[in-house]
N, C-alpha and C. Protein backbone atom coordinates (compact mmCIF):
# COMPACT_ATOMS: atom_id res chain seq x y z
N UNK A 1 -15.54 -8.21 1.31
CA UNK A 1 -14.32 -7.75 1.94
C UNK A 1 -13.65 -6.73 1.01
N UNK A 2 -13.24 -5.62 1.58
CA UNK A 2 -12.61 -4.55 0.81
C UNK A 2 -11.14 -4.83 0.52
N UNK A 3 -10.63 -4.12 -0.45
CA UNK A 3 -9.20 -4.10 -0.76
C UNK A 3 -8.65 -2.78 -0.25
N UNK A 4 -7.35 -2.68 -0.08
CA UNK A 4 -6.73 -1.45 0.42
C UNK A 4 -5.71 -0.91 -0.57
N UNK A 5 -5.76 0.40 -0.78
CA UNK A 5 -4.74 1.11 -1.56
C UNK A 5 -3.97 1.96 -0.57
N UNK A 6 -2.67 1.71 -0.41
CA UNK A 6 -1.85 2.40 0.58
C UNK A 6 -0.92 3.37 -0.12
N UNK A 7 -0.93 4.63 0.34
CA UNK A 7 -0.08 5.67 -0.24
C UNK A 7 0.35 6.63 0.86
N UNK A 8 1.02 7.71 0.48
CA UNK A 8 1.52 8.68 1.46
C UNK A 8 0.39 9.34 2.25
N UNK A 9 -0.75 9.52 1.61
CA UNK A 9 -1.92 10.10 2.28
C UNK A 9 -3.17 9.43 1.73
N UNK A 10 -4.29 9.62 2.42
CA UNK A 10 -5.55 9.05 1.93
C UNK A 10 -5.94 9.69 0.61
N UNK A 11 -5.65 10.97 0.44
CA UNK A 11 -5.95 11.66 -0.81
C UNK A 11 -5.15 11.06 -1.96
N UNK A 12 -3.87 10.79 -1.73
CA UNK A 12 -3.02 10.16 -2.74
C UNK A 12 -3.55 8.77 -3.07
N UNK A 13 -3.94 8.00 -2.08
CA UNK A 13 -4.46 6.66 -2.31
C UNK A 13 -5.77 6.70 -3.10
N UNK A 14 -6.65 7.65 -2.76
CA UNK A 14 -7.92 7.79 -3.48
C UNK A 14 -7.67 8.18 -4.94
N UNK A 15 -6.69 9.05 -5.15
CA UNK A 15 -6.34 9.44 -6.52
C UNK A 15 -5.82 8.25 -7.32
N UNK A 16 -5.04 7.38 -6.70
CA UNK A 16 -4.53 6.18 -7.39
C UNK A 16 -5.66 5.22 -7.73
N UNK A 17 -6.65 5.12 -6.86
CA UNK A 17 -7.81 4.26 -7.13
C UNK A 17 -8.51 4.76 -8.39
N UNK A 18 -8.74 6.08 -8.47
CA UNK A 18 -9.39 6.66 -9.65
C UNK A 18 -8.51 6.52 -10.89
N UNK A 19 -7.20 6.80 -10.76
CA UNK A 19 -6.28 6.76 -11.89
C UNK A 19 -6.19 5.37 -12.50
N UNK A 20 -6.21 4.34 -11.66
CA UNK A 20 -6.13 2.96 -12.14
C UNK A 20 -7.47 2.43 -12.65
N UNK A 21 -8.53 3.22 -12.48
CA UNK A 21 -9.85 2.80 -12.94
C UNK A 21 -10.48 1.70 -12.10
N UNK A 22 -10.12 1.66 -10.83
CA UNK A 22 -10.68 0.65 -9.92
C UNK A 22 -12.02 1.12 -9.38
N UNK A 23 -12.84 0.21 -8.91
CA UNK A 23 -14.15 0.57 -8.35
C UNK A 23 -13.95 1.12 -6.93
N UNK A 24 -14.27 2.40 -6.71
CA UNK A 24 -14.05 3.01 -5.39
C UNK A 24 -14.76 2.30 -4.25
N UNK A 25 -15.90 1.67 -4.54
CA UNK A 25 -16.63 0.97 -3.47
C UNK A 25 -15.93 -0.32 -3.04
N UNK A 26 -14.96 -0.80 -3.82
CA UNK A 26 -14.23 -2.02 -3.50
C UNK A 26 -12.86 -1.75 -2.88
N UNK A 27 -12.42 -0.48 -2.89
CA UNK A 27 -11.07 -0.12 -2.44
C UNK A 27 -11.14 0.94 -1.36
N UNK A 28 -10.38 0.76 -0.31
CA UNK A 28 -10.31 1.74 0.78
C UNK A 28 -8.94 2.42 0.75
N UNK A 29 -8.93 3.78 0.69
CA UNK A 29 -7.65 4.48 0.73
C UNK A 29 -7.08 4.50 2.15
N UNK A 30 -5.79 4.19 2.27
CA UNK A 30 -5.12 4.16 3.57
C UNK A 30 -3.77 4.86 3.43
N UNK A 31 -3.37 5.58 4.45
CA UNK A 31 -2.06 6.22 4.46
C UNK A 31 -1.09 5.36 5.26
N UNK A 32 0.18 5.37 4.85
CA UNK A 32 1.20 4.66 5.63
C UNK A 32 1.16 5.16 7.07
N UNK A 33 1.15 4.25 8.01
CA UNK A 33 1.13 4.61 9.43
C UNK A 33 -0.25 4.63 10.05
N UNK A 34 -1.32 4.57 9.22
CA UNK A 34 -2.67 4.55 9.78
C UNK A 34 -2.89 3.28 10.60
N UNK A 35 -3.70 3.35 11.65
CA UNK A 35 -4.03 2.13 12.39
C UNK A 35 -4.90 1.21 11.53
N UNK A 36 -4.67 -0.08 11.61
CA UNK A 36 -5.42 -1.07 10.85
C UNK A 36 -6.19 -1.95 11.84
N UNK A 37 -7.52 -2.06 11.62
CA UNK A 37 -8.34 -2.83 12.55
C UNK A 37 -9.26 -3.82 11.85
N UNK A 38 -9.13 -3.96 10.51
CA UNK A 38 -9.99 -4.91 9.81
C UNK A 38 -9.20 -5.62 8.72
N UNK A 39 -9.76 -6.73 8.28
CA UNK A 39 -9.10 -7.54 7.26
C UNK A 39 -9.34 -6.97 5.87
N UNK A 40 -8.33 -7.12 5.00
CA UNK A 40 -8.43 -6.72 3.60
C UNK A 40 -8.14 -7.93 2.73
N UNK A 41 -8.84 -8.02 1.60
CA UNK A 41 -8.59 -9.12 0.68
C UNK A 41 -7.25 -8.93 -0.01
N UNK A 42 -7.08 -7.79 -0.67
CA UNK A 42 -5.86 -7.49 -1.39
C UNK A 42 -5.39 -6.09 -1.01
N UNK A 43 -4.09 -5.86 -1.16
CA UNK A 43 -3.51 -4.56 -0.85
C UNK A 43 -2.56 -4.17 -1.97
N UNK A 44 -2.61 -2.91 -2.37
CA UNK A 44 -1.65 -2.36 -3.31
C UNK A 44 -0.91 -1.23 -2.62
N UNK A 45 0.41 -1.25 -2.72
CA UNK A 45 1.25 -0.23 -2.11
C UNK A 45 1.74 0.74 -3.18
N UNK A 46 1.58 2.02 -2.90
CA UNK A 46 2.12 3.07 -3.76
C UNK A 46 3.37 3.60 -3.08
N UNK A 47 4.45 3.72 -3.83
CA UNK A 47 5.70 4.21 -3.26
C UNK A 47 5.47 5.57 -2.60
N UNK A 48 5.88 5.74 -1.35
CA UNK A 48 5.68 7.02 -0.66
C UNK A 48 6.34 8.17 -1.42
N UNK A 49 5.64 9.30 -1.52
CA UNK A 49 6.15 10.44 -2.28
C UNK A 49 7.43 11.01 -1.68
N UNK A 50 7.62 10.85 -0.38
CA UNK A 50 8.83 11.37 0.27
C UNK A 50 9.97 10.36 0.25
N UNK A 51 9.75 9.21 -0.35
CA UNK A 51 10.77 8.17 -0.40
C UNK A 51 10.52 7.10 0.65
N UNK A 52 11.05 5.93 0.42
CA UNK A 52 10.85 4.81 1.33
C UNK A 52 11.78 4.96 2.53
N UNK A 53 11.20 4.85 3.72
CA UNK A 53 11.97 4.92 4.96
C UNK A 53 11.74 3.64 5.75
N UNK A 54 12.57 3.40 6.72
CA UNK A 54 12.44 2.20 7.55
C UNK A 54 11.06 2.15 8.22
N UNK A 55 10.52 3.30 8.59
CA UNK A 55 9.21 3.33 9.25
C UNK A 55 8.12 2.77 8.34
N UNK A 56 8.22 3.03 7.02
CA UNK A 56 7.24 2.49 6.08
C UNK A 56 7.30 0.96 6.07
N UNK A 57 8.50 0.43 5.96
CA UNK A 57 8.69 -1.02 5.93
C UNK A 57 8.22 -1.66 7.23
N UNK A 58 8.57 -1.07 8.35
CA UNK A 58 8.14 -1.61 9.65
C UNK A 58 6.63 -1.65 9.75
N UNK A 59 5.96 -0.57 9.32
CA UNK A 59 4.50 -0.49 9.40
C UNK A 59 3.87 -1.56 8.51
N UNK A 60 4.39 -1.72 7.27
CA UNK A 60 3.83 -2.72 6.36
C UNK A 60 3.97 -4.11 6.96
N UNK A 61 5.17 -4.45 7.45
CA UNK A 61 5.40 -5.80 7.95
C UNK A 61 4.71 -6.08 9.29
N UNK A 62 4.71 -5.11 10.19
CA UNK A 62 4.17 -5.33 11.53
C UNK A 62 2.68 -5.06 11.65
N UNK A 63 2.18 -4.04 10.97
CA UNK A 63 0.79 -3.62 11.16
C UNK A 63 -0.14 -4.04 10.04
N UNK A 64 0.35 -4.02 8.79
CA UNK A 64 -0.53 -4.30 7.65
C UNK A 64 -0.60 -5.77 7.28
N UNK A 65 0.55 -6.42 7.15
CA UNK A 65 0.59 -7.81 6.67
C UNK A 65 -0.32 -8.76 7.47
N UNK A 66 -0.41 -8.65 8.80
CA UNK A 66 -1.31 -9.57 9.51
C UNK A 66 -2.80 -9.41 9.15
N UNK A 67 -3.17 -8.34 8.46
CA UNK A 67 -4.56 -8.08 8.09
C UNK A 67 -4.84 -8.28 6.60
N UNK A 68 -3.94 -8.98 5.90
CA UNK A 68 -4.12 -9.23 4.47
C UNK A 68 -4.48 -10.70 4.27
N UNK A 69 -5.58 -10.95 3.57
CA UNK A 69 -6.01 -12.33 3.33
C UNK A 69 -5.38 -12.94 2.08
N UNK A 70 -5.24 -12.14 1.01
CA UNK A 70 -4.79 -12.72 -0.25
C UNK A 70 -3.43 -12.19 -0.68
N UNK A 71 -3.36 -11.04 -1.33
CA UNK A 71 -2.09 -10.58 -1.90
C UNK A 71 -1.74 -9.16 -1.52
N UNK A 72 -0.46 -8.87 -1.61
CA UNK A 72 0.06 -7.53 -1.42
C UNK A 72 0.95 -7.25 -2.62
N UNK A 73 0.58 -6.26 -3.44
CA UNK A 73 1.35 -5.92 -4.62
C UNK A 73 1.71 -4.44 -4.59
N UNK A 74 2.48 -4.03 -5.56
CA UNK A 74 2.89 -2.63 -5.64
C UNK A 74 2.36 -1.98 -6.90
N UNK A 75 2.27 -0.66 -6.88
CA UNK A 75 1.86 0.12 -8.04
C UNK A 75 3.00 1.05 -8.38
N UNK A 76 3.60 1.01 -9.53
CA UNK A 76 3.39 0.01 -10.58
C UNK A 76 3.94 -1.35 -10.15
N UNK A 77 3.51 -2.39 -10.84
CA UNK A 77 3.85 -3.74 -10.43
C UNK A 77 5.35 -4.04 -10.48
N UNK A 78 6.13 -3.29 -11.26
CA UNK A 78 7.57 -3.54 -11.33
C UNK A 78 8.35 -2.77 -10.27
N UNK A 79 7.67 -2.03 -9.39
CA UNK A 79 8.35 -1.28 -8.34
C UNK A 79 8.96 -2.23 -7.32
N UNK A 80 10.18 -1.91 -6.88
CA UNK A 80 10.89 -2.73 -5.89
C UNK A 80 11.39 -1.84 -4.77
N UNK A 81 11.58 -2.43 -3.61
CA UNK A 81 12.20 -1.72 -2.51
C UNK A 81 13.62 -1.36 -2.94
N UNK A 82 14.07 -0.13 -2.72
CA UNK A 82 15.37 0.31 -3.25
C UNK A 82 16.54 -0.61 -2.90
N UNK A 83 16.53 -1.25 -1.75
CA UNK A 83 17.63 -2.10 -1.35
C UNK A 83 17.81 -3.28 -2.31
N UNK A 84 16.75 -3.69 -2.99
CA UNK A 84 16.85 -4.81 -3.93
C UNK A 84 17.60 -4.41 -5.19
N UNK A 85 17.72 -3.12 -5.47
CA UNK A 85 18.35 -2.66 -6.69
C UNK A 85 19.83 -2.31 -6.50
N UNK A 86 20.30 -2.37 -5.28
CA UNK A 86 21.69 -2.02 -4.99
C UNK A 86 22.58 -3.21 -5.31
N UNK A 87 23.62 -2.96 -6.11
CA UNK A 87 24.57 -4.02 -6.44
C UNK A 87 25.50 -4.25 -5.26
N UNK A 88 25.74 -5.49 -4.94
CA UNK A 88 26.61 -5.82 -3.80
C UNK A 88 28.05 -5.87 -4.23
């Protein structure tokens, strides 16, 4: 079962796979908004280059999450959705 690297474009996702030194045969590059039709073991999300929008969050929660078997993490691992950093 493959893992997925999600970024603004497939080219950006493929570049992140190479930059992190991951095995390309184990990781599939995916762009935010792409249709998902198969299961993935693990998923890593790269912050969209144009900034996080509601459409990104909706796509992750509605389209991607049902196809993840194990974990969903972010690159870098300390990245958070901007709303979590806003002081109330």
